[in-house]
């Protein structure tokens, strides 16, 4: 039986800071405040679903549990990655994520959360919060207790095409008017440090996690930007955005025809612009902006044609 690319239907999450920008990806979003598209998700809080082929209707979690051959027989009790597209129509809260050890102890066995962001689009003068300015843990706690957020938080202007690596322990927030693709560990554990005094739907201040945040924040702060490397193959320009112990992420620009070989346990391909054709053996699969395609282990040779931009991740 031939191995074929597997297309996934995302899960959408409504958020108080969400908007309508995800419609640009041909999605039928649930409301005017849709903040997140969980594209490749195998988490208890959301499961993306196969749209094509013999696994149609299965969740990504079910494939991982019952068809481990598709992932090169990787070991592990859960699929390791989670891919999202986030529409920040308003500022997100300032957050920090724990590492694996802390999450295992304090978050019901969850993984930690190291992530990275590719800026798909943003408004002029959009910015993110990336890191902090405290030099010691004592100074960090003091600035938090005094509410000295302007002094503490490090703000960075962003533009389309920027990329940020956000390890666990890094203070961060996505700013208003920013559309990003996020690749992360398969975790939904977040500690909220600051939220601009906003209130929830019931009129109550949103919950903060100051004690846990202070415990997991790294001091001094991480602020490094990865050095992007490029490689050209046929009509494909691949930018290697990050290689770390949790994932590797690349951006592919296809203009014409590229002959490739799938030699990873799996590849996750998210089409962020354009369209084209994926040819495997005698099968042709049309893809377009907004598609999310898993290329399973053993796929072997395949060909991409057309004009497209994709974010691609693997272990």
Protein backbone atom coordinates (compact mmCIF):
# COMPACT_ATOMS: atom_id res chain seq x y z
CA UNK A 1 0.00 0.00 0.00
CA UNK A 2 1.50 3.34 -1.06
CA UNK A 3 2.41 5.99 1.46
CA UNK A 4 0.83 9.40 0.83
CA UNK A 5 0.89 12.89 2.34
CA UNK A 6 -1.66 13.39 5.13
CA UNK A 7 -3.64 16.67 5.19
CA UNK A 8 -4.99 17.89 8.53
CA UNK A 9 -8.03 19.93 9.53
CA UNK A 10 -7.08 22.42 12.27
CA UNK A 11 -8.77 23.15 15.58
CA UNK A 12 -9.71 26.81 16.21
CA UNK A 13 -9.59 28.57 19.57
CA UNK A 14 -11.50 31.75 20.41
CA UNK A 15 -9.51 34.20 22.53
CA UNK A 16 -10.27 37.63 23.99
CA UNK A 17 -7.32 38.98 21.98
CA UNK A 18 -8.22 37.19 18.73
CA UNK A 19 -9.53 38.63 15.47
CA UNK A 20 -10.35 37.64 11.88
CA UNK A 21 -6.94 37.47 10.17
CA UNK A 22 -7.10 33.66 9.95
CA UNK A 23 -9.71 34.04 7.20
CA UNK A 24 -6.83 34.86 4.86
CA UNK A 25 -5.89 31.16 5.08
CA UNK A 26 -9.29 30.06 3.66
CA UNK A 27 -10.54 29.03 7.11
CA UNK A 28 -14.16 29.17 8.22
CA UNK A 29 -13.34 30.58 11.66
CA UNK A 30 -15.91 30.36 14.47
CA UNK A 31 -16.08 34.06 15.42
CA UNK A 32 -14.66 37.57 15.15
CA UNK A 33 -12.34 36.72 18.04
CA UNK A 34 -10.57 33.65 16.73
CA UNK A 35 -7.06 33.77 18.09
CA UNK A 36 -5.51 30.37 17.41
CA UNK A 37 -5.38 27.75 14.70
CA UNK A 38 -4.01 24.50 16.11
CA UNK A 39 -2.72 23.03 12.87
CA UNK A 40 -0.85 19.94 14.03
CA UNK A 41 -2.26 19.15 17.47
CA UNK A 42 -2.40 15.97 19.54
CA UNK A 43 -3.18 17.44 22.93
CA UNK A 44 -6.03 16.84 25.38
CA UNK A 45 -7.12 20.45 24.74
CA UNK A 46 -7.27 20.04 20.96
CA UNK A 47 -6.80 17.40 18.25
CA UNK A 48 -6.38 18.11 14.55
CA UNK A 49 -8.07 15.61 12.22
CA UNK A 50 -7.03 13.86 9.00
CA UNK A 51 -8.90 15.12 5.93
CA UNK A 52 -7.82 12.64 3.24
CA UNK A 53 -6.94 9.05 2.45
CA UNK A 54 -7.32 5.87 4.45
CA UNK A 55 -6.86 7.65 7.79
CA UNK A 56 -9.57 10.23 7.12
CA UNK A 57 -11.37 11.17 10.35
CA UNK A 58 -8.54 10.01 12.64
CA UNK A 59 -6.96 12.50 15.01
CA UNK A 60 -3.23 13.11 15.09
CA UNK A 61 -3.19 11.55 18.55
CA UNK A 62 -4.83 8.39 17.22
CA UNK A 63 -2.27 8.13 14.43
CA UNK A 64 0.52 8.47 16.99
CA UNK A 65 -1.02 5.81 19.23
CA UNK A 66 -2.05 3.22 16.63
CA UNK A 67 0.10 3.87 13.54
CA UNK A 68 3.56 4.58 14.91
CA UNK A 69 5.07 3.37 11.63
CA UNK A 70 4.02 6.72 10.11
CA UNK A 71 6.48 8.38 12.50
CA UNK A 72 9.42 6.03 12.02
CA UNK A 73 8.53 4.13 15.20
CA UNK A 74 9.60 7.03 17.38
CA UNK A 75 9.22 6.37 21.10
CA UNK A 76 7.23 8.52 23.50
CA UNK A 77 3.84 8.64 25.17
CA UNK A 78 2.68 11.66 23.13
CA UNK A 79 3.29 13.32 19.80
CA UNK A 80 6.18 15.71 20.49
CA UNK A 81 5.18 18.89 18.62
CA UNK A 82 2.33 21.38 18.34
CA UNK A 83 2.04 23.86 15.44
CA UNK A 84 -0.20 26.94 15.67
CA UNK A 85 -1.03 30.07 13.74
CA UNK A 86 -1.89 32.95 16.09
CA UNK A 87 -3.78 36.13 15.23
CA UNK A 88 -3.04 38.76 17.87
CA UNK A 89 -5.62 41.46 17.18
CA UNK A 90 -4.81 42.72 20.70
CA UNK A 91 -1.78 42.33 22.96
CA UNK A 92 -1.39 38.89 24.51
CA UNK A 93 -0.60 38.63 28.21
CA UNK A 94 3.04 38.57 29.28
CA UNK A 95 3.91 34.94 29.95
CA UNK A 96 6.63 32.46 30.74
CA UNK A 97 6.69 28.70 30.22
CA UNK A 98 8.30 26.06 32.46
CA UNK A 99 10.91 23.52 31.40
CA UNK A 100 10.22 19.78 31.28
CA UNK A 101 11.29 19.07 34.85
CA UNK A 102 9.20 21.85 36.41
CA UNK A 103 6.14 21.01 34.30
CA UNK A 104 6.35 17.34 35.18
CA UNK A 105 6.35 18.22 38.88
CA UNK A 106 3.82 21.08 38.89
CA UNK A 107 1.64 20.70 35.76
CA UNK A 108 0.20 17.18 35.97
CA UNK A 109 2.93 15.56 33.92
CA UNK A 110 2.80 18.02 31.02
CA UNK A 111 5.86 18.69 28.90
CA UNK A 112 7.68 21.96 29.28
CA UNK A 113 7.22 24.53 26.55
CA UNK A 114 10.03 25.73 24.36
CA UNK A 115 8.68 27.43 21.24
CA UNK A 116 9.60 29.60 18.28
CA UNK A 117 7.82 32.25 16.21
CA UNK A 118 7.87 33.05 12.51
CA UNK A 119 6.29 36.47 11.84
CA UNK A 120 3.95 35.90 8.87
CA UNK A 121 2.59 39.44 8.88
CA UNK A 122 2.25 42.41 11.19
CA UNK A 123 1.16 46.01 11.35
CA UNK A 124 3.66 48.82 10.98
CA UNK A 125 5.50 49.41 14.29
CA UNK A 126 4.21 46.12 15.75
CA UNK A 127 6.32 44.79 18.60
CA UNK A 128 6.74 41.81 20.86
CA UNK A 129 8.01 41.40 24.40
CA UNK A 130 11.11 39.23 24.32
CA UNK A 131 13.05 38.86 27.55
CA UNK A 132 13.49 41.15 30.56
CA UNK A 133 15.97 43.63 32.02
CA UNK A 134 16.49 42.29 35.56
CA UNK A 135 20.06 41.28 36.40
CA UNK A 136 19.34 39.15 39.49
CA UNK A 137 16.46 37.08 40.77
CA UNK A 138 16.03 39.52 43.64
CA UNK A 139 15.75 42.46 41.24
CA UNK A 140 13.27 40.50 39.13
CA UNK A 141 11.01 39.79 42.11
CA UNK A 142 11.25 43.39 43.29
CA UNK A 143 10.29 44.80 39.88
CA UNK A 144 7.34 42.38 39.65
CA UNK A 145 6.13 43.28 43.14
CA UNK A 146 6.41 47.03 42.39
CA UNK A 147 4.68 46.63 39.00
CA UNK A 148 7.64 48.22 37.19
CA UNK A 149 6.66 46.66 33.88
CA UNK A 150 8.11 49.37 31.61
CA UNK A 151 11.51 48.88 33.24
CA UNK A 152 11.33 45.12 33.40
CA UNK A 153 10.04 44.13 29.98
CA UNK A 154 12.20 44.16 26.85
CA UNK A 155 10.25 45.29 23.76
CA UNK A 156 11.36 44.51 20.20
CA UNK A 157 9.98 45.92 16.92
CA UNK A 158 9.09 43.21 14.40
CA UNK A 159 8.50 42.91 10.67
CA UNK A 160 7.27 40.10 8.38
CA UNK A 161 9.88 37.38 8.00
CA UNK A 162 11.41 37.83 11.46
CA UNK A 163 12.05 34.73 13.53
CA UNK A 164 12.40 34.32 17.30
CA UNK A 165 13.44 31.32 19.37
CA UNK A 166 11.68 31.35 22.77
CA UNK A 167 13.09 28.73 25.17
CA UNK A 168 11.28 27.82 28.38
CA UNK A 169 12.07 30.36 31.07
CA UNK A 170 11.89 33.32 28.64
CA UNK A 171 9.48 36.17 29.40
CA UNK A 172 7.51 36.88 26.22
CA UNK A 173 4.32 38.26 24.69
CA UNK A 174 3.00 38.66 21.16
CA UNK A 175 1.98 42.24 20.45
CA UNK A 176 -1.15 43.67 18.85
CA UNK A 177 -1.37 43.40 15.07
CA UNK A 178 0.92 40.38 14.71
CA UNK A 179 0.25 37.13 12.85
CA UNK A 180 2.69 34.33 13.63
CA UNK A 181 3.29 30.66 13.04
CA UNK A 182 4.42 29.00 16.25
CA UNK A 183 6.22 25.69 16.54
CA UNK A 184 6.43 24.36 20.10
CA UNK A 185 6.66 21.36 22.33
CA UNK A 186 3.34 19.58 22.74
CA UNK A 187 2.27 21.45 25.87
CA UNK A 188 -0.43 23.90 26.93
CA UNK A 189 1.17 25.05 30.19
CA UNK A 190 1.52 28.82 30.52
CA UNK A 191 2.19 31.07 33.52
CA UNK A 192 0.70 34.56 33.17
CA UNK A 193 2.95 37.26 34.59
CA UNK A 194 1.13 40.46 33.57
CA UNK A 195 -2.09 41.19 31.68
CA UNK A 196 -2.54 44.97 31.55
CA UNK A 197 -5.30 44.83 34.17
CA UNK A 198 -7.71 43.10 31.82
CA UNK A 199 -10.78 41.26 33.10
CA UNK A 200 -12.42 38.02 32.01
CA UNK A 201 -15.96 37.61 30.68
CA UNK A 202 -17.33 37.68 34.23
CA UNK A 203 -15.65 41.01 34.99
CA UNK A 204 -12.99 39.53 37.24
CA UNK A 205 -9.25 40.23 36.86
CA UNK A 206 -7.62 37.45 34.85
CA UNK A 207 -5.66 34.99 36.92
CA UNK A 208 -1.93 35.63 37.31
CA UNK A 209 0.74 33.12 38.32
CA UNK A 210 3.33 35.40 39.88
CA UNK A 211 4.97 32.88 42.20
CA UNK A 212 5.43 30.17 39.57
CA UNK A 213 6.47 32.76 36.98
CA UNK A 214 9.21 34.14 39.23
CA UNK A 215 10.38 30.60 39.95
CA UNK A 216 10.81 29.57 36.29
CA UNK A 217 12.01 32.83 34.70
CA UNK A 218 15.66 32.65 33.68
CA UNK A 219 17.96 35.39 34.99
CA UNK A 220 19.74 36.87 33.12
CA UNK A 221 17.24 36.83 30.29
CA UNK A 222 17.59 34.95 27.01
CA UNK A 223 17.55 37.34 24.03
CA UNK A 224 19.57 35.61 21.33
CA UNK A 225 18.39 35.65 17.72
CA UNK A 226 19.28 32.52 15.71
CA UNK A 227 21.66 32.88 12.80
CA UNK A 228 19.67 31.70 9.78
CA UNK A 229 21.46 29.47 7.27
CA UNK A 230 20.34 28.92 3.68
CA UNK A 231 20.55 26.04 1.24
CA UNK A 232 19.41 25.90 -2.40
CA UNK A 233 18.07 22.74 -4.04
CA UNK A 234 16.61 22.95 -7.56
CA UNK A 235 13.90 25.62 -7.32
CA UNK A 236 13.66 25.45 -3.52
CA UNK A 237 15.40 27.90 -1.18
CA UNK A 238 15.41 26.55 2.37
CA UNK A 239 16.15 28.82 5.32
CA UNK A 240 17.19 26.82 8.38
CA UNK A 241 15.62 28.89 11.15
CA UNK A 242 16.47 26.83 14.23
CA UNK A 243 17.86 23.45 15.23
CA UNK A 244 17.45 22.65 18.92
CA UNK A 245 16.91 19.52 21.05
CA UNK A 246 13.11 19.83 20.73
CA UNK A 247 12.62 20.60 17.03
CA UNK A 248 14.14 21.88 13.81
CA UNK A 249 12.27 24.49 11.77
CA UNK A 250 12.87 25.63 8.20
CA UNK A 251 11.20 28.01 5.76
CA UNK A 252 10.86 26.73 2.21
CA UNK A 253 10.37 29.00 -0.80
CA UNK A 254 9.39 26.99 -3.87
CA UNK A 255 9.42 28.70 -7.26
CA UNK A 256 9.19 26.10 -9.99
CA UNK A 257 10.00 22.47 -9.32
CA UNK A 258 11.93 20.84 -6.47
CA UNK A 259 12.77 17.15 -6.22
CA UNK A 260 13.09 16.06 -2.59
CA UNK A 261 13.45 13.00 -0.37
CA UNK A 262 11.68 12.52 2.98
CA UNK A 263 14.32 11.01 5.29
CA UNK A 264 13.00 12.17 8.69
CA UNK A 265 10.64 10.28 11.05
CA UNK A 266 8.06 12.85 9.89
CA UNK A 267 7.83 16.33 8.36
CA UNK A 268 5.16 18.89 9.25
CA UNK A 269 4.52 21.28 6.35
CA UNK A 270 2.38 24.42 6.83
CA UNK A 271 1.67 26.42 3.68
CA UNK A 272 1.68 30.13 4.57
CA UNK A 273 1.55 31.56 1.03
CA UNK A 274 0.85 30.46 -2.55
CA UNK A 275 -0.08 27.06 -3.90
CA UNK A 276 1.32 24.15 -5.82
CA UNK A 277 1.36 20.43 -6.37
CA UNK A 278 2.96 17.65 -4.36
CA UNK A 279 3.74 14.59 -6.46
CA UNK A 280 4.43 11.22 -4.83
CA UNK A 281 4.78 8.29 -7.21
CA UNK A 282 1.80 8.51 -9.56
CA UNK A 283 -0.30 10.61 -7.15
CA UNK A 284 -0.70 14.38 -7.33
CA UNK A 285 -1.89 16.40 -4.35
CA UNK A 286 -2.82 20.04 -4.80
CA UNK A 287 -2.00 22.29 -1.84
CA UNK A 288 -2.70 25.94 -1.07
CA UNK A 289 -2.22 28.60 1.57
CA UNK A 290 -3.64 27.36 4.87
CA UNK A 291 -2.99 23.65 4.25
CA UNK A 292 -1.10 21.58 6.82
CA UNK A 293 0.47 18.39 5.54
CA UNK A 294 2.24 15.61 7.40
CA UNK A 295 4.81 13.74 5.31
CA UNK A 296 5.16 10.37 7.04
CA UNK A 297 8.19 8.15 7.44
CA UNK A 298 8.94 6.09 4.35
CA UNK A 299 7.41 8.54 1.89
CA UNK A 300 10.70 8.62 0.01
CA UNK A 301 11.00 10.70 -3.15
CA UNK A 302 8.50 13.46 -3.80
CA UNK A 303 8.27 16.60 -5.91
CA UNK A 304 6.96 20.08 -5.17
CA UNK A 305 5.86 22.35 -8.00
CA UNK A 306 4.35 25.81 -8.09
CA UNK A 307 4.99 29.00 -6.15
CA UNK A 308 4.63 28.72 -2.39
CA UNK A 309 6.11 29.48 1.02
CA UNK A 310 6.02 26.83 3.75
CA UNK A 311 7.17 26.48 7.34
CA UNK A 312 8.49 22.95 7.84
CA UNK A 313 9.35 21.28 11.16
CA UNK A 314 10.76 17.95 12.28
CA UNK A 315 12.73 16.40 15.12
